Amino acid sequence: MKIINILLLLTLVSACQAADENDVEKSIRDVKAEHESQLMTMAGVVSVGLGQDAEGNPVIVIGIESEELSRTLVLPRELENYPVKFQVVGTIRAQ
């Protein structure tokens, strides 16, 4: 009977550890990396980076070409619970 109880306990501990690993939040870097290529395909988006808001909290920063585009582009306000900030950076060209 003790062996069965021990095996049951080990099974439960194992299941709890697996659940904890699946519940871990992704880092902001992981979220940026997952969404960057899709965001960069959008017309007017010229960069995707990381930054901070006025309080020093991490944000994903999407660079756009112009102020006009900021009014017409439909971009997310957050990605996987991380806030998104928009910044007009103009057109970026390689030198």
C-alpha atoms as a PDB file:
ATOM      1  CA  MET A   1       0.000   0.000   0.000  1.00  0.00           C
ATOM      2  CA  LYS A   2       2.855   2.376   0.818  1.00  0.00           C
ATOM      3  CA  ILE A   3       4.449   1.786  -2.584  1.00  0.00           C
ATOM      4  CA  ILE A   4       1.186   2.660  -4.350  1.00  0.00           C
ATOM      5  CA  ASN A   5       0.872   5.862  -2.294  1.00  0.00           C
ATOM      6  CA  ILE A   6       4.455   6.827  -3.076  1.00  0.00           C
ATOM      7  CA  LEU A   7       3.938   6.192  -6.792  1.00  0.00           C
ATOM      8  CA  LEU A   8       0.729   8.241  -6.727  1.00  0.00           C
ATOM      9  CA  LEU A   9       2.527  11.081  -4.944  1.00  0.00           C
ATOM     10  CA  LEU A  10       5.390  11.020  -7.458  1.00  0.00           C
ATOM     11  CA  THR A  11       2.906  11.090 -10.327  1.00  0.00           C
ATOM     12  CA  LEU A  12       1.122  14.108  -8.832  1.00  0.00           C
ATOM     13  CA  VAL A  13       4.387  15.977  -8.227  1.00  0.00           C
ATOM     14  CA  SER A  14       5.447  15.283 -11.790  1.00  0.00           C
ATOM     15  CA  ALA A  15       2.135  16.564 -13.152  1.00  0.00           C
ATOM     16  CA  CYS A  16       2.367  19.741 -11.062  1.00  0.00           C
ATOM     17  CA  GLN A  17       5.894  20.437 -12.289  1.00  0.00           C
ATOM     18  CA  ALA A  18       4.801  20.016 -15.915  1.00  0.00           C
ATOM     19  CA  ALA A  19       1.870  22.392 -15.362  1.00  0.00           C
ATOM     20  CA  ASP A  20       4.171  24.971 -13.777  1.00  0.00           C
ATOM     21  CA  GLU A  21       6.547  24.826 -16.746  1.00  0.00           C
ATOM     22  CA  ASN A  22       3.666  25.383 -19.185  1.00  0.00           C
ATOM     23  CA  ASP A  23       2.285  28.305 -17.157  1.00  0.00           C
ATOM     24  CA  VAL A  24       5.540  30.291 -17.170  1.00  0.00           C
ATOM     25  CA  GLU A  25       5.083  33.642 -18.884  1.00  0.00           C
ATOM     26  CA  LYS A  26       7.121  34.318 -21.987  1.00  0.00           C
ATOM     27  CA  SER A  27       9.706  37.047 -21.694  1.00  0.00           C
ATOM     28  CA  ILE A  28       9.139  40.275 -23.600  1.00  0.00           C
ATOM     29  CA  ARG A  29      12.111  39.316 -25.813  1.00  0.00           C
ATOM     30  CA  ASP A  30      10.419  36.014 -26.708  1.00  0.00           C
ATOM     31  CA  VAL A  31       7.147  37.771 -27.526  1.00  0.00           C
ATOM     32  CA  LYS A  32       8.940  40.363 -29.699  1.00  0.00           C
ATOM     33  CA  ALA A  33      10.821  37.620 -31.534  1.00  0.00           C
ATOM     34  CA  GLU A  34       7.623  35.671 -32.209  1.00  0.00           C
ATOM     35  CA  HIS A  35       5.746  38.646 -33.670  1.00  0.00           C
ATOM     36  CA  GLU A  36       8.520  40.685 -35.310  1.00  0.00           C
ATOM     37  CA  SER A  37       8.469  39.121 -38.778  1.00  0.00           C
ATOM     38  CA  GLN A  38       4.684  39.451 -39.048  1.00  0.00           C
ATOM     39  CA  LEU A  39       4.763  43.093 -37.905  1.00  0.00           C
ATOM     40  CA  MET A  40       7.562  43.935 -40.351  1.00  0.00           C
ATOM     41  CA  THR A  41       5.427  42.765 -43.288  1.00  0.00           C
ATOM     42  CA  MET A  42       2.891  45.523 -42.559  1.00  0.00           C
ATOM     43  CA  ALA A  43       3.100  48.602 -44.780  1.00  0.00           C
ATOM     44  CA  GLY A  44       4.565  51.521 -42.861  1.00  0.00           C
ATOM     45  CA  VAL A  45       6.256  49.461 -40.138  1.00  0.00           C
ATOM     46  CA  VAL A  46      10.020  49.969 -40.323  1.00  0.00           C
ATOM     47  CA  SER A  47      11.287  48.531 -37.038  1.00  0.00           C
ATOM     48  CA  VAL A  48      10.367  46.480 -33.985  1.00  0.00           C
ATOM     49  CA  GLY A  49      12.328  46.866 -30.778  1.00  0.00           C
ATOM     50  CA  LEU A  50      12.194  46.989 -27.015  1.00  0.00           C
ATOM     51  CA  GLY A  51      11.976  50.056 -24.816  1.00  0.00           C
ATOM     52  CA  GLN A  52      10.413  51.489 -21.688  1.00  0.00           C
ATOM     53  CA  ASP A  53       7.346  53.555 -20.927  1.00  0.00           C
ATOM     54  CA  ALA A  54       7.409  56.727 -18.807  1.00  0.00           C
ATOM     55  CA  GLU A  55       7.404  54.639 -15.602  1.00  0.00           C
ATOM     56  CA  GLY A  56      10.283  52.420 -16.726  1.00  0.00           C
ATOM     57  CA  ASN A  57       8.163  49.368 -17.541  1.00  0.00           C
ATOM     58  CA  PRO A  58       9.212  47.264 -20.552  1.00  0.00           C
ATOM     59  CA  VAL A  59       7.315  47.810 -23.812  1.00  0.00           C
ATOM     60  CA  ILE A  60       7.538  46.601 -27.378  1.00  0.00           C
ATOM     61  CA  VAL A  61       8.286  49.570 -29.642  1.00  0.00           C
ATOM     62  CA  ILE A  62       7.003  49.557 -33.221  1.00  0.00           C
ATOM     63  CA  GLY A  63       8.712  52.111 -35.458  1.00  0.00           C
ATOM     64  CA  ILE A  64       6.523  53.568 -38.204  1.00  0.00           C
ATOM     65  CA  GLU A  65       7.329  55.787 -41.182  1.00  0.00           C
ATOM     66  CA  SER A  66       5.076  58.772 -40.525  1.00  0.00           C
ATOM     67  CA  GLU A  67       2.617  60.418 -38.160  1.00  0.00           C
ATOM     68  CA  GLU A  68      -0.116  60.005 -40.803  1.00  0.00           C
ATOM     69  CA  LEU A  69       0.355  56.242 -40.725  1.00  0.00           C
ATOM     70  CA  SER A  70      -0.112  56.212 -36.959  1.00  0.00           C
ATOM     71  CA  ARG A  71      -3.720  57.274 -37.546  1.00  0.00           C
ATOM     72  CA  THR A  72      -4.472  54.748 -40.287  1.00  0.00           C
ATOM     73  CA  LEU A  73      -2.471  51.636 -39.388  1.00  0.00           C
ATOM     74  CA  VAL A  74      -4.283  49.007 -37.382  1.00  0.00           C
ATOM     75  CA  LEU A  75      -1.626  47.788 -34.974  1.00  0.00           C
ATOM     76  CA  PRO A  76      -1.966  45.974 -31.661  1.00  0.00           C
ATOM     77  CA  ARG A  77      -1.939  47.956 -28.402  1.00  0.00           C
ATOM     78  CA  GLU A  78      -0.445  44.930 -26.657  1.00  0.00           C
ATOM     79  CA  LEU A  79       1.143  41.608 -27.559  1.00  0.00           C
ATOM     80  CA  GLU A  80       0.648  38.708 -25.165  1.00  0.00           C
ATOM     81  CA  ASN A  81       0.040  41.081 -22.223  1.00  0.00           C
ATOM     82  CA  TYR A  82       3.011  43.343 -23.005  1.00  0.00           C
ATOM     83  CA  PRO A  83       2.143  46.937 -23.964  1.00  0.00           C
ATOM     84  CA  VAL A  84       3.050  48.229 -27.415  1.00  0.00           C
ATOM     85  CA  LYS A  85       4.274  51.765 -28.057  1.00  0.00           C
ATOM     86  CA  PHE A  86       4.470  53.430 -31.476  1.00  0.00           C
ATOM     87  CA  GLN A  87       7.273  55.727 -32.498  1.00  0.00           C
ATOM     88  CA  VAL A  88       7.566  57.709 -35.730  1.00  0.00           C
ATOM     89  CA  VAL A  89      11.093  57.031 -37.012  1.00  0.00           C
ATOM     90  CA  GLY A  90      10.752  57.857 -40.709  1.00  0.00           C
ATOM     91  CA  THR A  91      12.029  55.746 -43.567  1.00  0.00           C
ATOM     92  CA  ILE A  92      15.044  53.607 -42.775  1.00  0.00           C
ATOM     93  CA  ARG A  93      17.595  53.037 -45.538  1.00  0.00           C
ATOM     94  CA  ALA A  94      20.768  50.981 -45.500  1.00  0.00           C
ATOM     95  CA  GLN A  95      23.937  52.987 -46.075  1.00  0.00           C
END
